[in-house]
Amino acid sequence: MRELNAALASLIADGWDIDTTEMGIYYIVYEEGEGPMVGEGDSLSLEYKGSLLGGLVFDATSFHYDDGIWDFVFRSSELIPGFADGLSVMNKGATIDMIIPSQYAYGEKGSGLIEPFTTLLFTARLHDLKPAS
């Protein structure tokens, strides 16, 4: 929790406007998108990078896809709750940072390089959104 509070204080001191979802995911909008926000069943084309607050990158779409873009249907893939919640505040063309407290990420168990109780940072750009019919 101390690491999260320090990161938020640093961002605020640097003049960033930090918003919070109802779940408690912190996010900064770098580029506003247009159109509807992400909803269940929408087809998304997403680019992201996941890192620890110290800077270690543990995952990115560029690790998995030649073009660095992940095409998927929202809520049809299993996502950590905080990442899914953060995506829900995006629309086509948006770029945001999401700061995800550990209880909405991997919690007390951790995962791979991610230690238990670790806050995560995701930078995400939504290249395309096709609403569910």
C-alpha atoms as a PDB file:
ATOM      1  CA  MET A   1       0.000   0.000   0.000  1.00  0.00           C
ATOM      2  CA  ARG A   2       2.918   2.312   0.734  1.00  0.00           C
ATOM      3  CA  GLU A   3       4.238   1.800  -2.810  1.00  0.00           C
ATOM      4  CA  LEU A   4       0.827   2.668  -4.292  1.00  0.00           C
ATOM      5  CA  ASN A   5       0.456   5.798  -2.142  1.00  0.00           C
ATOM      6  CA  ALA A   6       3.959   6.965  -3.070  1.00  0.00           C
ATOM      7  CA  ALA A   7       3.273   6.464  -6.785  1.00  0.00           C
ATOM      8  CA  LEU A   8      -0.010   8.384  -6.598  1.00  0.00           C
ATOM      9  CA  ALA A   9       1.587  11.225  -4.603  1.00  0.00           C
ATOM     10  CA  SER A  10       4.388  11.487  -7.163  1.00  0.00           C
ATOM     11  CA  LEU A  11       1.946  11.649 -10.076  1.00  0.00           C
ATOM     12  CA  ILE A  12      -0.153  14.303  -8.353  1.00  0.00           C
ATOM     13  CA  ALA A  13       2.977  16.324  -7.529  1.00  0.00           C
ATOM     14  CA  ASP A  14       3.900  16.161 -11.230  1.00  0.00           C
ATOM     15  CA  GLY A  15       0.508  17.680 -12.092  1.00  0.00           C
ATOM     16  CA  TRP A  16      -1.310  14.639 -13.429  1.00  0.00           C
ATOM     17  CA  ASP A  17      -5.089  14.423 -13.068  1.00  0.00           C
ATOM     18  CA  ILE A  18      -5.873  10.992 -11.630  1.00  0.00           C
ATOM     19  CA  ASP A  19      -9.396   9.613 -11.892  1.00  0.00           C
ATOM     20  CA  THR A  20     -10.754   6.522 -10.154  1.00  0.00           C
ATOM     21  CA  THR A  21     -13.260   3.928 -11.302  1.00  0.00           C
ATOM     22  CA  GLU A  22     -16.025   2.806  -8.949  1.00  0.00           C
ATOM     23  CA  MET A  23     -13.992  -0.353  -8.261  1.00  0.00           C
ATOM     24  CA  GLY A  24     -10.988   1.705  -7.189  1.00  0.00           C
ATOM     25  CA  ILE A  25      -8.728   1.537 -10.242  1.00  0.00           C
ATOM     26  CA  TYR A  26      -6.709   4.722 -10.692  1.00  0.00           C
ATOM     27  CA  TYR A  27      -6.285   6.000 -14.228  1.00  0.00           C
ATOM     28  CA  ILE A  28      -4.795   8.883 -16.171  1.00  0.00           C
ATOM     29  CA  VAL A  29      -6.136   9.753 -19.616  1.00  0.00           C
ATOM     30  CA  TYR A  30      -3.349  10.784 -21.992  1.00  0.00           C
ATOM     31  CA  GLU A  31      -5.443  10.820 -25.123  1.00  0.00           C
ATOM     32  CA  GLU A  32      -9.213  11.077 -25.254  1.00  0.00           C
ATOM     33  CA  GLY A  33     -10.985   8.692 -27.573  1.00  0.00           C
ATOM     34  CA  GLU A  34     -14.310   9.018 -29.299  1.00  0.00           C
ATOM     35  CA  GLY A  35     -17.547   7.093 -29.452  1.00  0.00           C
ATOM     36  CA  PRO A  36     -18.991   4.661 -26.942  1.00  0.00           C
ATOM     37  CA  MET A  37     -17.098   3.313 -23.953  1.00  0.00           C
ATOM     38  CA  VAL A  38     -16.080  -0.355 -23.889  1.00  0.00           C
ATOM     39  CA  GLY A  39     -18.929  -2.688 -23.005  1.00  0.00           C
ATOM     40  CA  GLU A  40     -19.489  -6.413 -22.642  1.00  0.00           C
ATOM     41  CA  GLY A  41     -19.323  -8.248 -25.958  1.00  0.00           C
ATOM     42  CA  ASP A  42     -17.564  -5.439 -27.842  1.00  0.00           C
ATOM     43  CA  SER A  43     -14.741  -6.406 -30.207  1.00  0.00           C
ATOM     44  CA  LEU A  44     -11.557  -4.611 -29.208  1.00  0.00           C
ATOM     45  CA  SER A  45      -8.165  -4.021 -30.796  1.00  0.00           C
ATOM     46  CA  LEU A  46      -5.897  -3.202 -27.872  1.00  0.00           C
ATOM     47  CA  GLU A  47      -2.236  -2.451 -27.329  1.00  0.00           C
ATOM     48  CA  TYR A  48      -0.941  -2.637 -23.759  1.00  0.00           C
ATOM     49  CA  LYS A  49       2.150  -2.887 -21.607  1.00  0.00           C
ATOM     50  CA  GLY A  50       2.004  -4.167 -18.021  1.00  0.00           C
ATOM     51  CA  SER A  51       4.730  -3.263 -15.562  1.00  0.00           C
ATOM     52  CA  LEU A  52       5.546  -3.119 -11.893  1.00  0.00           C
ATOM     53  CA  LEU A  53       5.712   0.359 -10.353  1.00  0.00           C
ATOM     54  CA  GLY A  54       9.508   0.004 -10.326  1.00  0.00           C
ATOM     55  CA  GLY A  55       9.484  -0.240 -14.127  1.00  0.00           C
ATOM     56  CA  LEU A  56       9.924  -3.987 -14.787  1.00  0.00           C
ATOM     57  CA  VAL A  57       7.728  -4.919 -17.773  1.00  0.00           C
ATOM     58  CA  PHE A  58       6.077  -8.293 -17.152  1.00  0.00           C
ATOM     59  CA  ASP A  59       3.703  -8.419 -20.132  1.00  0.00           C
ATOM     60  CA  ALA A  60       2.900  -6.547 -23.334  1.00  0.00           C
ATOM     61  CA  THR A  61       0.933  -7.184 -26.490  1.00  0.00           C
ATOM     62  CA  SER A  62       4.222  -6.858 -28.390  1.00  0.00           C
ATOM     63  CA  PHE A  63       5.360 -10.044 -26.601  1.00  0.00           C
ATOM     64  CA  HIS A  64       2.462 -12.001 -28.124  1.00  0.00           C
ATOM     65  CA  TYR A  65       1.440 -10.420 -31.450  1.00  0.00           C
ATOM     66  CA  ASP A  66       3.607  -9.415 -34.424  1.00  0.00           C
ATOM     67  CA  ASP A  67       1.716  -6.152 -34.861  1.00  0.00           C
ATOM     68  CA  GLY A  68       1.495  -5.553 -31.094  1.00  0.00           C
ATOM     69  CA  ILE A  69      -2.313  -5.519 -31.178  1.00  0.00           C
ATOM     70  CA  TRP A  70      -4.596  -7.929 -29.322  1.00  0.00           C
ATOM     71  CA  ASP A  71      -7.987  -8.478 -30.970  1.00  0.00           C
ATOM     72  CA  PHE A  72     -10.566  -9.982 -28.599  1.00  0.00           C
ATOM     73  CA  VAL A  73     -14.152  -9.792 -27.404  1.00  0.00           C
ATOM     74  CA  PHE A  74     -14.467  -7.939 -24.098  1.00  0.00           C
ATOM     75  CA  ARG A  75     -15.490 -10.167 -21.178  1.00  0.00           C
ATOM     76  CA  SER A  76     -15.042 -13.348 -23.256  1.00  0.00           C
ATOM     77  CA  SER A  77     -11.401 -13.614 -22.139  1.00  0.00           C
ATOM     78  CA  GLU A  78     -10.375 -13.988 -18.534  1.00  0.00           C
ATOM     79  CA  LEU A  79      -8.799 -10.730 -17.361  1.00  0.00           C
ATOM     80  CA  ILE A  80      -7.735  -9.611 -13.929  1.00  0.00           C
ATOM     81  CA  PRO A  81     -10.648  -7.612 -12.472  1.00  0.00           C
ATOM     82  CA  GLY A  82      -8.743  -4.316 -12.335  1.00  0.00           C
ATOM     83  CA  PHE A  83      -7.655  -4.516 -15.964  1.00  0.00           C
ATOM     84  CA  ALA A  84     -11.211  -5.222 -17.132  1.00  0.00           C
ATOM     85  CA  ASP A  85     -12.502  -2.335 -15.008  1.00  0.00           C
ATOM     86  CA  GLY A  86      -9.875   0.009 -16.432  1.00  0.00           C
ATOM     87  CA  LEU A  87     -10.781  -0.940 -19.989  1.00  0.00           C
ATOM     88  CA  SER A  88     -14.388   0.011 -19.297  1.00  0.00           C
ATOM     89  CA  VAL A  89     -13.430   3.723 -19.115  1.00  0.00           C
ATOM     90  CA  MET A  90     -11.889   3.659 -22.597  1.00  0.00           C
ATOM     91  CA  ASN A  91     -13.286   4.368 -26.034  1.00  0.00           C
ATOM     92  CA  LYS A  92     -11.794   4.118 -29.534  1.00  0.00           C
ATOM     93  CA  GLY A  93      -8.505   6.005 -29.770  1.00  0.00           C
ATOM     94  CA  ALA A  94      -8.041   6.478 -26.010  1.00  0.00           C
ATOM     95  CA  THR A  95      -4.680   6.027 -24.330  1.00  0.00           C
ATOM     96  CA  ILE A  96      -4.565   5.637 -20.554  1.00  0.00           C
ATOM     97  CA  ASP A  97      -2.442   4.450 -17.668  1.00  0.00           C
ATOM     98  CA  MET A  98      -4.185   2.212 -15.128  1.00  0.00           C
ATOM     99  CA  ILE A  99      -2.787   1.778 -11.652  1.00  0.00           C
ATOM    100  CA  ILE A 100      -4.268  -1.423 -10.287  1.00  0.00           C
ATOM    101  CA  PRO A 101      -4.082  -2.120  -6.535  1.00  0.00           C
ATOM    102  CA  SER A 102      -3.029  -5.688  -5.754  1.00  0.00           C
ATOM    103  CA  GLN A 103      -6.463  -6.832  -4.557  1.00  0.00           C
ATOM    104  CA  TYR A 104      -7.760  -6.232  -8.123  1.00  0.00           C
ATOM    105  CA  ALA A 105      -4.728  -7.881  -9.734  1.00  0.00           C
ATOM    106  CA  TYR A 106      -2.994 -10.988  -8.380  1.00  0.00           C
ATOM    107  CA  GLY A 107      -3.502 -10.287  -4.667  1.00  0.00           C
ATOM    108  CA  GLU A 108      -1.881 -12.453  -2.040  1.00  0.00           C
ATOM    109  CA  LYS A 109      -0.868 -15.186  -4.508  1.00  0.00           C
ATOM    110  CA  GLY A 110       1.093 -13.171  -7.069  1.00  0.00           C
ATOM    111  CA  SER A 111       1.846 -14.612 -10.509  1.00  0.00           C
ATOM    112  CA  GLY A 112       5.207 -15.333 -12.110  1.00  0.00           C
ATOM    113  CA  LEU A 113       7.360 -12.198 -11.786  1.00  0.00           C
ATOM    114  CA  ILE A 114       4.589 -10.493  -9.831  1.00  0.00           C
ATOM    115  CA  GLU A 115       5.122 -10.811  -6.089  1.00  0.00           C
ATOM    116  CA  PRO A 116       2.115 -11.115  -3.764  1.00  0.00           C
ATOM    117  CA  PHE A 117       0.413  -7.811  -2.891  1.00  0.00           C
ATOM    118  CA  THR A 118       1.934  -5.969  -5.876  1.00  0.00           C
ATOM    119  CA  THR A 119       0.355  -2.906  -7.465  1.00  0.00           C
ATOM    120  CA  LEU A 120       0.441  -3.015 -11.272  1.00  0.00           C
ATOM    121  CA  LEU A 121       0.695  -0.323 -13.936  1.00  0.00           C
ATOM    122  CA  PHE A 122      -0.786  -0.821 -17.386  1.00  0.00           C
ATOM    123  CA  THR A 123      -0.478   1.571 -20.297  1.00  0.00           C
ATOM    124  CA  ALA A 124      -3.225   0.846 -22.821  1.00  0.00           C
ATOM    125  CA  ARG A 125      -4.252   2.217 -26.207  1.00  0.00           C
ATOM    126  CA  LEU A 126      -7.579   1.190 -27.716  1.00  0.00           C
ATOM    127  CA  HIS A 127      -7.031   1.146 -31.478  1.00  0.00           C
ATOM    128  CA  ASP A 128     -10.512  -0.001 -32.404  1.00  0.00           C
ATOM    129  CA  LEU A 129     -13.863  -0.798 -30.819  1.00  0.00           C
ATOM    130  CA  LYS A 130     -16.712  -2.508 -32.628  1.00  0.00           C
ATOM    131  CA  PRO A 131     -19.817  -2.473 -30.420  1.00  0.00           C
ATOM    132  CA  ALA A 132     -21.649  -5.741 -29.800  1.00  0.00           C
ATOM    133  CA  SER A 133     -24.782  -5.932 -31.898  1.00  0.00           C
END
